[in-house]
C-alpha atoms as a PDB file:
ATOM      1  CA  MET A   1    -114.499 -57.814 -47.617  1.00  0.00           C
ATOM      2  CA  PRO A   2    -117.206 -59.287 -49.740  1.00  0.00           C
ATOM      3  CA  ARG A   3    -116.347 -60.756 -53.138  1.00  0.00           C
ATOM      4  CA  ARG A   4    -118.512 -58.138 -55.018  1.00  0.00           C
ATOM      5  CA  GLU A   5    -116.965 -55.358 -53.337  1.00  0.00           C
ATOM      6  CA  LEU A   6    -113.351 -56.543 -53.738  1.00  0.00           C
ATOM      7  CA  GLU A   7    -114.480 -57.299 -57.829  1.00  0.00           C
ATOM      8  CA  GLN A   8    -115.070 -53.598 -57.830  1.00  0.00           C
ATOM      9  CA  LEU A   9    -112.325 -52.390 -56.023  1.00  0.00           C
ATOM     10  CA  GLU A  10    -110.078 -54.404 -58.508  1.00  0.00           C
ATOM     11  CA  GLN A  11    -111.889 -52.884 -61.484  1.00  0.00           C
ATOM     12  CA  ARG A  12    -111.356 -49.305 -60.199  1.00  0.00           C
ATOM     13  CA  ILE A  13    -107.430 -50.115 -59.591  1.00  0.00           C
ATOM     14  CA  ARG A  14    -107.223 -51.718 -63.099  1.00  0.00           C
ATOM     15  CA  GLU A  15    -108.818 -48.746 -64.728  1.00  0.00           C
ATOM     16  CA  ALA A  16    -106.095 -46.513 -62.698  1.00  0.00           C
ATOM     17  CA  LEU A  17    -103.281 -48.371 -64.114  1.00  0.00           C
ATOM     18  CA  ALA A  18    -104.841 -48.224 -67.564  1.00  0.00           C
ATOM     19  CA  GLU A  19    -104.596 -44.610 -67.458  1.00  0.00           C
ATOM     20  CA  LEU A  20    -100.778 -45.210 -66.463  1.00  0.00           C
ATOM     21  CA  ARG A  21    -100.187 -47.705 -69.284  1.00  0.00           C
ATOM     22  CA  PRO A  22     -99.530 -45.308 -72.060  1.00  0.00           C
ATOM     23  CA  PHE A  23     -96.638 -43.551 -69.908  1.00  0.00           C
ATOM     24  CA  LEU A  24     -95.034 -46.596 -69.214  1.00  0.00           C
ATOM     25  CA  ALA A  25     -95.564 -48.015 -72.760  1.00  0.00           C
ATOM     26  CA  ALA A  26     -93.508 -44.998 -74.014  1.00  0.00           C
ATOM     27  CA  ASP A  27     -90.508 -46.136 -72.050  1.00  0.00           C
ATOM     28  CA  GLY A  28     -91.140 -50.101 -73.032  1.00  0.00           C
ATOM     29  CA  GLY A  29     -93.215 -51.003 -70.107  1.00  0.00           C
ATOM     30  CA  ASP A  30     -96.197 -52.086 -68.789  1.00  0.00           C
ATOM     31  CA  ILE A  31     -97.992 -53.020 -65.681  1.00  0.00           C
ATOM     32  CA  THR A  32    -100.649 -55.443 -64.837  1.00  0.00           C
ATOM     33  CA  LEU A  33    -103.128 -55.860 -61.466  1.00  0.00           C
ATOM     34  CA  GLU A  34    -101.745 -59.506 -59.865  1.00  0.00           C
ATOM     35  CA  GLU A  35    -104.192 -59.416 -56.685  1.00  0.00           C
ATOM     36  CA  VAL A  36    -105.639 -57.627 -54.177  1.00  0.00           C
ATOM     37  CA  THR A  37    -105.091 -59.478 -50.391  1.00  0.00           C
ATOM     38  CA  ALA A  38    -107.200 -59.741 -47.931  1.00  0.00           C
ATOM     39  CA  ASP A  39    -105.312 -57.167 -45.816  1.00  0.00           C
ATOM     40  CA  GLY A  40    -105.504 -54.201 -48.643  1.00  0.00           C
ATOM     41  CA  ILE A  41    -102.317 -54.690 -50.640  1.00  0.00           C
ATOM     42  CA  ALA A  42    -102.189 -54.318 -53.708  1.00  0.00           C
ATOM     43  CA  ARG A  43    -100.102 -56.333 -56.057  1.00  0.00           C
ATOM     44  CA  VAL A  44     -98.663 -55.169 -59.455  1.00  0.00           C
ATOM     45  CA  ARG A  45     -96.491 -56.830 -61.864  1.00  0.00           C
ATOM     46  CA  LEU A  46     -94.037 -54.546 -64.147  1.00  0.00           C
ATOM     47  CA  HIS A  47     -93.195 -55.945 -67.546  1.00  0.00           C
ATOM     48  CA  GLY A  48     -90.829 -54.959 -70.182  1.00  0.00           C
ATOM     49  CA  ALA A  49     -88.401 -52.248 -69.619  1.00  0.00           C
ATOM     50  CA  CYS A  50     -89.889 -51.179 -66.395  1.00  0.00           C
ATOM     51  CA  ARG A  51     -88.862 -54.447 -64.665  1.00  0.00           C
ATOM     52  CA  GLY A  52     -85.273 -54.067 -64.272  1.00  0.00           C
ATOM     53  CA  CYS A  53     -85.691 -50.156 -64.582  1.00  0.00           C
ATOM     54  CA  ALA A  54     -83.581 -48.231 -61.895  1.00  0.00           C
ATOM     55  CA  MET A  55     -86.566 -45.857 -61.614  1.00  0.00           C
ATOM     56  CA  SER A  56     -88.982 -48.125 -60.924  1.00  0.00           C
ATOM     57  CA  PRO A  57     -89.328 -47.912 -57.330  1.00  0.00           C
ATOM     58  CA  MET A  58     -89.709 -44.110 -57.928  1.00  0.00           C
ATOM     59  CA  THR A  59     -92.562 -45.035 -60.660  1.00  0.00           C
ATOM     60  CA  MET A  60     -94.046 -47.148 -58.175  1.00  0.00           C
ATOM     61  CA  LYS A  61     -94.268 -44.819 -55.051  1.00  0.00           C
ATOM     62  CA  ALA A  62     -94.975 -41.441 -57.261  1.00  0.00           C
ATOM     63  CA  GLY A  63     -97.020 -42.827 -60.096  1.00  0.00           C
ATOM     64  CA  VAL A  64     -98.289 -46.214 -59.147  1.00  0.00           C
ATOM     65  CA  GLU A  65     -99.044 -45.768 -55.631  1.00  0.00           C
ATOM     66  CA  GLU A  66    -100.424 -42.711 -55.910  1.00  0.00           C
ATOM     67  CA  ALA A  67    -103.047 -43.326 -58.949  1.00  0.00           C
ATOM     68  CA  ILE A  68    -104.271 -46.778 -56.962  1.00  0.00           C
ATOM     69  CA  LYS A  69    -104.926 -45.272 -53.616  1.00  0.00           C
ATOM     70  CA  ARG A  70    -106.643 -41.887 -55.234  1.00  0.00           C
ATOM     71  CA  VAL A  71    -109.227 -44.513 -56.847  1.00  0.00           C
ATOM     72  CA  ALA A  72    -108.880 -47.356 -53.739  1.00  0.00           C
ATOM     73  CA  PRO A  73    -108.398 -45.556 -50.368  1.00  0.00           C
ATOM     74  CA  SER A  74    -108.840 -48.649 -48.549  1.00  0.00           C
ATOM     75  CA  ILE A  75    -105.332 -49.899 -50.080  1.00  0.00           C
ATOM     76  CA  LYS A  76    -102.740 -49.794 -47.506  1.00  0.00           C
ATOM     77  CA  ALA A  77     -99.819 -50.865 -49.717  1.00  0.00           C
ATOM     78  CA  VAL A  78     -98.710 -51.330 -52.980  1.00  0.00           C
ATOM     79  CA  GLU A  79     -95.822 -53.903 -53.844  1.00  0.00           C
ATOM     80  CA  ALA A  80     -94.516 -54.825 -57.105  1.00  0.00           C
ATOM     81  CA  VAL A  81     -93.791 -58.595 -57.728  1.00  0.00           C
ATOM     82  CA  ASN A  82     -91.717 -60.137 -60.361  1.00  0.00           C
ATOM     83  CA  MET A  83     -91.140 -63.725 -61.170  1.00  0.00           C
ATOM     84  CA  GLY A  84     -92.418 -64.559 -57.620  1.00  0.00           C
ATOM     85  CA  GLU A  85     -90.262 -61.943 -55.769  1.00  0.00           C
ATOM     86  CA  VAL A  86     -91.660 -58.850 -53.984  1.00  0.00           C
ATOM     87  CA  VAL A  87     -89.935 -55.864 -55.329  1.00  0.00           C
END
């Protein structure tokens, strides 16, 4: 993917995450985009209360992944990474 397209894709994903941020912040958490890989995987980092929350897998699937794929249909998967681990 050309660099310009990748930058635009990342920007759309960041905007989608910004829309989710108030909901995460209400529970003491946050989320940031770490990277988009060449093979179409968006890696995000959960912060604060979201990091260890038992509901984070549901949040990832029903909230984060859905929001990202809505603005970036070329994304194949969304992964949460924390402290170097893929969640």
